[in-house]
N, C-alpha and C. Protein backbone atom coordinates (compact mmCIF):
# COMPACT_ATOMS: atom_id res chain seq x y z
N UNK A 1 -9.73 3.41 -1.18
CA UNK A 1 -9.33 2.03 -0.93
C UNK A 1 -9.58 1.64 0.52
N UNK A 2 -9.35 2.55 1.47
CA UNK A 2 -9.58 2.22 2.87
C UNK A 2 -11.05 1.98 3.15
N UNK A 3 -11.92 2.71 2.46
CA UNK A 3 -13.36 2.50 2.65
C UNK A 3 -13.76 1.08 2.28
N UNK A 4 -13.16 0.57 1.23
CA UNK A 4 -13.54 -0.75 0.75
C UNK A 4 -12.93 -1.88 1.58
N UNK A 5 -11.73 -1.67 2.11
CA UNK A 5 -11.02 -2.78 2.73
C UNK A 5 -10.68 -2.57 4.21
N UNK A 6 -10.62 -1.37 4.67
CA UNK A 6 -10.36 -1.15 6.08
C UNK A 6 -8.91 -0.95 6.45
N UNK A 7 -8.02 -1.78 5.93
CA UNK A 7 -6.61 -1.67 6.28
C UNK A 7 -5.73 -1.82 5.05
N UNK A 8 -4.68 -1.01 5.00
CA UNK A 8 -3.64 -1.16 4.00
C UNK A 8 -2.32 -1.17 4.76
N UNK A 9 -1.52 -2.20 4.53
CA UNK A 9 -0.22 -2.32 5.17
C UNK A 9 0.84 -1.89 4.17
N UNK A 10 1.53 -0.80 4.47
CA UNK A 10 2.66 -0.34 3.66
C UNK A 10 3.91 -0.96 4.24
N UNK A 11 4.81 -1.40 3.38
CA UNK A 11 6.03 -2.06 3.85
C UNK A 11 7.17 -1.78 2.88
N UNK A 12 8.38 -1.97 3.39
CA UNK A 12 9.59 -1.81 2.59
C UNK A 12 9.70 -3.01 1.66
N UNK A 13 9.46 -2.79 0.38
CA UNK A 13 9.40 -3.88 -0.59
C UNK A 13 10.71 -4.57 -0.87
N UNK A 14 11.83 -4.00 -0.48
CA UNK A 14 13.12 -4.64 -0.73
C UNK A 14 13.72 -5.25 0.54
N UNK A 15 12.97 -5.24 1.62
CA UNK A 15 13.43 -5.78 2.90
C UNK A 15 12.96 -7.22 3.06
N UNK A 16 13.89 -8.12 3.30
CA UNK A 16 13.55 -9.52 3.48
C UNK A 16 12.63 -9.73 4.67
N UNK A 17 12.87 -9.05 5.78
CA UNK A 17 12.02 -9.17 6.96
C UNK A 17 10.61 -8.67 6.67
N UNK A 18 10.50 -7.53 6.03
CA UNK A 18 9.19 -6.94 5.73
C UNK A 18 8.39 -7.83 4.79
N UNK A 19 9.05 -8.37 3.76
CA UNK A 19 8.37 -9.28 2.85
C UNK A 19 7.93 -10.56 3.56
N UNK A 20 8.76 -11.05 4.45
CA UNK A 20 8.38 -12.22 5.24
C UNK A 20 7.18 -11.93 6.13
N UNK A 21 7.15 -10.73 6.71
CA UNK A 21 6.02 -10.33 7.56
C UNK A 21 4.73 -10.29 6.74
N UNK A 22 4.80 -9.72 5.55
CA UNK A 22 3.61 -9.66 4.68
C UNK A 22 3.13 -11.07 4.34
N UNK A 23 4.03 -11.97 4.01
CA UNK A 23 3.64 -13.34 3.70
C UNK A 23 3.01 -14.02 4.92
N UNK A 24 3.54 -13.74 6.10
CA UNK A 24 2.97 -14.28 7.35
C UNK A 24 1.56 -13.75 7.58
N UNK A 25 1.36 -12.45 7.34
CA UNK A 25 0.03 -11.86 7.50
C UNK A 25 -0.94 -12.52 6.52
N UNK A 26 -0.55 -12.66 5.27
CA UNK A 26 -1.42 -13.28 4.27
C UNK A 26 -1.81 -14.69 4.70
N UNK A 27 -0.86 -15.45 5.18
CA UNK A 27 -1.11 -16.83 5.60
C UNK A 27 -2.12 -16.90 6.74
N UNK A 28 -2.10 -15.93 7.65
CA UNK A 28 -2.94 -15.97 8.84
C UNK A 28 -4.19 -15.09 8.75
N UNK A 29 -4.37 -14.39 7.65
CA UNK A 29 -5.51 -13.49 7.49
C UNK A 29 -6.72 -14.28 7.00
N UNK A 30 -7.54 -14.74 7.95
CA UNK A 30 -8.71 -15.55 7.61
C UNK A 30 -9.78 -14.72 6.90
N UNK A 31 -9.86 -13.43 7.22
CA UNK A 31 -10.86 -12.56 6.61
C UNK A 31 -10.46 -12.21 5.18
N UNK A 32 -9.17 -11.99 4.99
CA UNK A 32 -8.65 -11.69 3.66
C UNK A 32 -8.95 -10.30 3.15
N UNK A 33 -9.14 -9.35 4.06
CA UNK A 33 -9.48 -7.99 3.62
C UNK A 33 -8.32 -7.01 3.69
N UNK A 34 -7.25 -7.36 4.37
CA UNK A 34 -6.11 -6.43 4.44
C UNK A 34 -5.47 -6.36 3.05
N UNK A 35 -5.10 -5.14 2.67
CA UNK A 35 -4.42 -4.91 1.40
C UNK A 35 -2.98 -4.49 1.70
N UNK A 36 -2.13 -4.56 0.67
CA UNK A 36 -0.71 -4.33 0.83
C UNK A 36 -0.18 -3.43 -0.28
N UNK A 37 0.81 -2.63 0.07
CA UNK A 37 1.50 -1.80 -0.92
C UNK A 37 2.91 -1.53 -0.40
N UNK A 38 3.85 -1.48 -1.32
CA UNK A 38 5.23 -1.16 -0.91
C UNK A 38 5.37 0.35 -0.72
N UNK A 39 6.27 0.72 0.15
CA UNK A 39 6.57 2.14 0.34
C UNK A 39 7.14 2.74 -0.94
N UNK A 40 7.79 1.92 -1.77
CA UNK A 40 8.44 2.40 -2.98
C UNK A 40 7.48 2.51 -4.17
N UNK A 41 6.31 1.89 -4.07
CA UNK A 41 5.37 1.87 -5.18
C UNK A 41 4.50 3.11 -5.21
N UNK A 42 3.71 3.28 -6.28
CA UNK A 42 2.88 4.48 -6.44
C UNK A 42 1.92 4.71 -5.27
N UNK A 43 1.25 3.66 -4.79
CA UNK A 43 0.30 3.84 -3.69
C UNK A 43 1.02 4.29 -2.43
N UNK A 44 2.13 3.62 -2.11
CA UNK A 44 2.88 3.97 -0.90
C UNK A 44 3.46 5.37 -0.96
N UNK A 45 4.02 5.74 -2.10
CA UNK A 45 4.60 7.08 -2.26
C UNK A 45 3.51 8.14 -2.08
N UNK A 46 2.35 7.92 -2.69
CA UNK A 46 1.26 8.89 -2.58
C UNK A 46 0.74 8.97 -1.15
N UNK A 47 0.61 7.83 -0.50
CA UNK A 47 0.14 7.82 0.90
C UNK A 47 1.12 8.57 1.79
N UNK A 48 2.40 8.36 1.59
CA UNK A 48 3.41 9.03 2.42
C UNK A 48 3.39 10.53 2.18
N UNK A 49 3.16 10.96 0.94
CA UNK A 49 3.08 12.39 0.64
C UNK A 49 1.86 13.02 1.29
N UNK A 50 0.75 12.29 1.30
CA UNK A 50 -0.49 12.85 1.83
C UNK A 50 -0.54 12.87 3.35
N UNK A 51 0.38 12.17 4.00
CA UNK A 51 0.44 12.14 5.47
C UNK A 51 1.82 12.62 5.92
N UNK A 52 2.01 13.93 6.04
CA UNK A 52 3.33 14.48 6.38
C UNK A 52 3.93 13.91 7.66
N UNK A 53 3.10 13.44 8.58
CA UNK A 53 3.62 12.87 9.83
C UNK A 53 4.43 11.61 9.58
N UNK A 54 4.29 11.04 8.39
CA UNK A 54 5.02 9.81 8.06
C UNK A 54 6.36 10.07 7.38
N UNK A 55 6.73 11.32 7.23
CA UNK A 55 8.01 11.66 6.59
C UNK A 55 9.14 10.93 7.30
N UNK A 56 9.96 10.26 6.52
CA UNK A 56 11.11 9.56 7.07
C UNK A 56 10.83 8.14 7.53
N UNK A 57 9.58 7.72 7.57
CA UNK A 57 9.26 6.35 7.97
C UNK A 57 9.68 5.42 6.83
N UNK A 58 10.42 4.37 7.16
CA UNK A 58 10.91 3.48 6.11
C UNK A 58 10.62 2.01 6.40
N UNK A 59 9.67 1.77 7.28
CA UNK A 59 9.31 0.38 7.55
C UNK A 59 7.80 0.25 7.53
N UNK A 60 7.23 -0.54 8.40
CA UNK A 60 5.81 -0.86 8.34
C UNK A 60 4.92 0.30 8.78
N UNK A 61 3.90 0.56 7.96
CA UNK A 61 2.87 1.56 8.26
C UNK A 61 1.52 0.88 8.05
N UNK A 62 0.63 0.99 9.03
CA UNK A 62 -0.71 0.44 8.89
C UNK A 62 -1.68 1.60 8.73
N UNK A 63 -2.28 1.68 7.55
CA UNK A 63 -3.28 2.71 7.28
C UNK A 63 -4.65 2.14 7.56
N UNK A 64 -5.46 2.93 8.26
CA UNK A 64 -6.84 2.54 8.53
C UNK A 64 -7.73 3.76 8.36
N UNK A 65 -9.01 3.55 8.51
CA UNK A 65 -9.94 4.67 8.42
C UNK A 65 -9.68 5.70 9.52
N UNK A 66 -9.04 5.26 10.59
CA UNK A 66 -8.76 6.14 11.72
C UNK A 66 -7.43 6.87 11.62
N UNK A 67 -6.63 6.57 10.60
CA UNK A 67 -5.34 7.22 10.44
C UNK A 67 -4.24 6.23 10.14
N UNK A 68 -3.02 6.61 10.51
CA UNK A 68 -1.85 5.78 10.22
C UNK A 68 -1.15 5.40 11.53
N UNK A 69 -0.74 4.16 11.61
CA UNK A 69 0.02 3.67 12.75
C UNK A 69 1.37 3.21 12.25
N UNK A 70 2.40 3.41 13.06
CA UNK A 70 3.75 3.05 12.65
C UNK A 70 4.43 2.23 13.74
N UNK A 71 5.53 1.63 13.34
CA UNK A 71 6.43 0.91 14.22
C UNK A 71 5.71 -0.16 15.03
N UNK A 72 5.98 -0.22 16.34
CA UNK A 72 5.45 -1.30 17.17
C UNK A 72 3.93 -1.26 17.24
N UNK A 73 3.34 -0.08 17.23
CA UNK A 73 1.88 0.01 17.30
C UNK A 73 1.25 -0.59 16.05
N UNK A 74 1.84 -0.35 14.89
CA UNK A 74 1.34 -0.95 13.65
C UNK A 74 1.42 -2.47 13.74
N UNK A 75 2.54 -3.00 14.20
CA UNK A 75 2.70 -4.45 14.31
C UNK A 75 1.69 -5.05 15.29
N UNK A 76 1.47 -4.39 16.41
CA UNK A 76 0.50 -4.89 17.39
C UNK A 76 -0.92 -4.84 16.85
N UNK A 77 -1.24 -3.82 16.10
CA UNK A 77 -2.59 -3.73 15.53
C UNK A 77 -2.80 -4.75 14.42
N UNK A 78 -1.76 -5.14 13.73
CA UNK A 78 -1.87 -6.24 12.77
C UNK A 78 -2.21 -7.52 13.53
N UNK A 79 -1.57 -7.73 14.68
CA UNK A 79 -1.89 -8.90 15.51
C UNK A 79 -3.35 -8.87 15.96
N UNK A 80 -3.84 -7.68 16.33
CA UNK A 80 -5.24 -7.55 16.73
C UNK A 80 -6.16 -7.91 15.55
N UNK A 81 -5.83 -7.40 14.38
CA UNK A 81 -6.62 -7.68 13.18
C UNK A 81 -6.67 -9.18 12.89
N UNK A 82 -5.53 -9.86 13.01
CA UNK A 82 -5.47 -11.28 12.71
C UNK A 82 -6.23 -12.12 13.74
N UNK A 83 -6.25 -11.66 14.98
CA UNK A 83 -7.00 -12.34 16.03
C UNK A 83 -6.41 -13.69 16.40
N UNK A 84 -7.23 -14.48 17.07
CA UNK A 84 -6.80 -15.81 17.49
C UNK A 84 -5.65 -15.73 18.48
N UNK A 85 -4.78 -16.72 18.41
CA UNK A 85 -3.65 -16.80 19.33
C UNK A 85 -2.70 -15.61 19.15
N UNK A 86 -2.71 -15.01 17.96
CA UNK A 86 -1.84 -13.85 17.72
C UNK A 86 -2.23 -12.66 18.59
N UNK A 87 -3.45 -12.68 19.11
CA UNK A 87 -3.90 -11.61 20.00
C UNK A 87 -3.08 -11.57 21.29
N UNK A 88 -2.43 -12.66 21.62
CA UNK A 88 -1.57 -12.68 22.80
C UNK A 88 -0.44 -11.66 22.68
N UNK A 89 -0.06 -11.34 21.46
CA UNK A 89 0.99 -10.35 21.25
C UNK A 89 0.58 -8.97 21.74
N UNK A 90 -0.73 -8.75 21.91
CA UNK A 90 -1.21 -7.45 22.40
C UNK A 90 -0.73 -7.18 23.82
N UNK A 91 -0.21 -8.18 24.50
CA UNK A 91 0.39 -7.97 25.81
C UNK A 91 1.56 -6.99 25.70
N UNK A 92 2.09 -6.81 24.47
CA UNK A 92 3.15 -5.84 24.25
C UNK A 92 2.74 -4.43 24.59
N UNK A 93 1.43 -4.17 24.63
CA UNK A 93 0.95 -2.83 24.98
C UNK A 93 1.25 -2.47 26.44
N UNK A 94 1.63 -3.44 27.27
CA UNK A 94 1.98 -3.09 28.66
C UNK A 94 3.29 -2.31 28.71
N UNK A 95 4.10 -2.46 27.68
CA UNK A 95 5.36 -1.69 27.61
C UNK A 95 5.05 -0.29 27.11
N UNK A 96 5.74 0.71 27.65
CA UNK A 96 5.55 2.07 27.12
C UNK A 96 5.93 2.13 25.64
N UNK A 97 5.20 2.94 24.88
CA UNK A 97 5.44 3.01 23.44
C UNK A 97 6.88 3.37 23.12
N UNK A 98 7.49 4.25 23.89
CA UNK A 98 8.88 4.61 23.64
C UNK A 98 9.81 3.41 23.70
N UNK A 99 9.59 2.54 24.66
CA UNK A 99 10.42 1.34 24.78
C UNK A 99 10.12 0.36 23.65
N UNK A 100 8.82 0.17 23.35
CA UNK A 100 8.45 -0.72 22.23
C UNK A 100 9.08 -0.24 20.94
N UNK A 101 8.99 1.07 20.69
CA UNK A 101 9.52 1.61 19.44
C UNK A 101 11.05 1.57 19.41
N UNK A 102 11.69 1.70 20.57
CA UNK A 102 13.15 1.59 20.61
C UNK A 102 13.57 0.17 20.21
N UNK A 103 12.86 -0.83 20.71
CA UNK A 103 13.15 -2.22 20.32
C UNK A 103 12.88 -2.43 18.84
N UNK A 104 11.77 -1.90 18.37
CA UNK A 104 11.41 -1.98 16.95
C UNK A 104 12.51 -1.34 16.10
N UNK A 105 12.95 -0.15 16.49
CA UNK A 105 13.99 0.56 15.73
C UNK A 105 15.31 -0.21 15.72
N UNK A 106 15.63 -0.87 16.83
CA UNK A 106 16.88 -1.64 16.89
C UNK A 106 16.86 -2.77 15.85
N UNK A 107 15.73 -3.45 15.72
CA UNK A 107 15.60 -4.49 14.70
C UNK A 107 15.59 -3.87 13.31
N UNK A 108 14.84 -2.77 13.16
CA UNK A 108 14.72 -2.13 11.84
C UNK A 108 16.08 -1.67 11.31
N UNK A 109 16.93 -1.17 12.19
CA UNK A 109 18.26 -0.72 11.76
C UNK A 109 19.11 -1.87 11.23
N UNK A 110 18.86 -3.06 11.72
CA UNK A 110 19.68 -4.22 11.37
C UNK A 110 18.98 -5.16 10.37
N UNK A 111 17.77 -4.81 9.94
CA UNK A 111 16.96 -5.75 9.17
C UNK A 111 17.61 -6.19 7.87
N UNK A 112 18.30 -5.31 7.18
CA UNK A 112 18.95 -5.71 5.92
C UNK A 112 20.10 -6.67 6.18
N UNK A 113 20.86 -6.41 7.22
CA UNK A 113 21.98 -7.30 7.56
C UNK A 113 21.51 -8.68 8.01
N UNK A 114 20.45 -8.72 8.80
CA UNK A 114 19.96 -9.98 9.33
C UNK A 114 19.09 -10.75 8.34
N UNK A 115 18.26 -10.06 7.58
CA UNK A 115 17.26 -10.72 6.74
C UNK A 115 17.45 -10.48 5.24
N UNK A 116 18.42 -9.66 4.90
CA UNK A 116 18.73 -9.42 3.50
C UNK A 116 17.98 -8.26 2.89
N UNK A 117 18.58 -7.77 1.82
CA UNK A 117 17.98 -6.68 1.03
C UNK A 117 17.81 -7.22 -0.39
N UNK A 118 16.60 -7.15 -0.89
CA UNK A 118 16.29 -7.68 -2.21
C UNK A 118 16.64 -6.65 -3.29
N UNK A 119 16.96 -7.12 -4.48
CA UNK A 119 17.27 -6.22 -5.59
C UNK A 119 16.04 -5.47 -6.08
N UNK A 120 14.88 -6.10 -5.94
CA UNK A 120 13.61 -5.51 -6.38
C UNK A 120 12.48 -6.07 -5.52
N UNK A 121 11.37 -5.40 -5.54
CA UNK A 121 10.20 -5.89 -4.81
C UNK A 121 9.72 -7.17 -5.48
N UNK A 122 9.53 -8.26 -4.72
CA UNK A 122 9.06 -9.50 -5.33
C UNK A 122 7.63 -9.37 -5.87
N UNK A 123 7.35 -10.09 -6.93
CA UNK A 123 6.00 -10.13 -7.49
C UNK A 123 5.17 -11.06 -6.60
N UNK A 124 4.01 -10.59 -6.14
CA UNK A 124 3.18 -11.44 -5.27
C UNK A 124 2.69 -12.68 -6.01
N UNK A 125 2.45 -13.77 -5.26
CA UNK A 125 1.89 -14.97 -5.89
C UNK A 125 0.54 -14.65 -6.54
N UNK A 126 0.24 -15.32 -7.64
CA UNK A 126 -0.97 -15.05 -8.42
C UNK A 126 -2.24 -15.11 -7.56
N UNK A 127 -2.31 -16.07 -6.64
CA UNK A 127 -3.53 -16.26 -5.86
C UNK A 127 -3.83 -15.13 -4.88
N UNK A 128 -2.86 -14.26 -4.62
CA UNK A 128 -3.10 -13.12 -3.71
C UNK A 128 -2.82 -11.78 -4.39
N UNK A 129 -2.58 -11.81 -5.69
CA UNK A 129 -2.21 -10.60 -6.43
C UNK A 129 -3.21 -9.47 -6.23
N UNK A 130 -4.51 -9.78 -6.17
CA UNK A 130 -5.53 -8.73 -6.05
C UNK A 130 -5.46 -7.99 -4.72
N UNK A 131 -4.74 -8.52 -3.76
CA UNK A 131 -4.62 -7.85 -2.45
C UNK A 131 -3.50 -6.81 -2.44
N UNK A 132 -2.70 -6.78 -3.49
CA UNK A 132 -1.60 -5.82 -3.60
C UNK A 132 -2.06 -4.66 -4.48
N UNK A 133 -1.89 -3.45 -3.97
CA UNK A 133 -2.43 -2.29 -4.63
C UNK A 133 -1.58 -1.79 -5.78
N UNK A 134 -0.30 -2.15 -5.79
CA UNK A 134 0.56 -1.70 -6.88
C UNK A 134 1.64 -2.72 -7.17
N UNK A 135 1.25 -3.92 -7.59
CA UNK A 135 2.25 -4.98 -7.83
C UNK A 135 3.17 -4.69 -8.99
């Protein structure tokens, strides 16, 4: 799948913030080649098993031909992929990764309280269904 599309974004399918992020990416993805899968679905589970370094990761993972990126680095690379004005977010790279990830973790720990926890992974809209690897 990575050979065909280049990027797969794994996300927590029951997290309101994560689902909102995926919808934001879809809206701004002019190329339309990024694919998506939930961490809870078959593709996400298999990807996590095949990459032991991802054990315990429960939020955004960006898979590419070059490997897997997590936390703040994954989010920044999504901004790079989207391009345009969103590339300004790459200024976040001036912060040390430890600090970026600490901020990311602080939001991630509170994401269900702030943005809600869904009972199930939402079904993607029909017009973008083909971009989801395990709807």
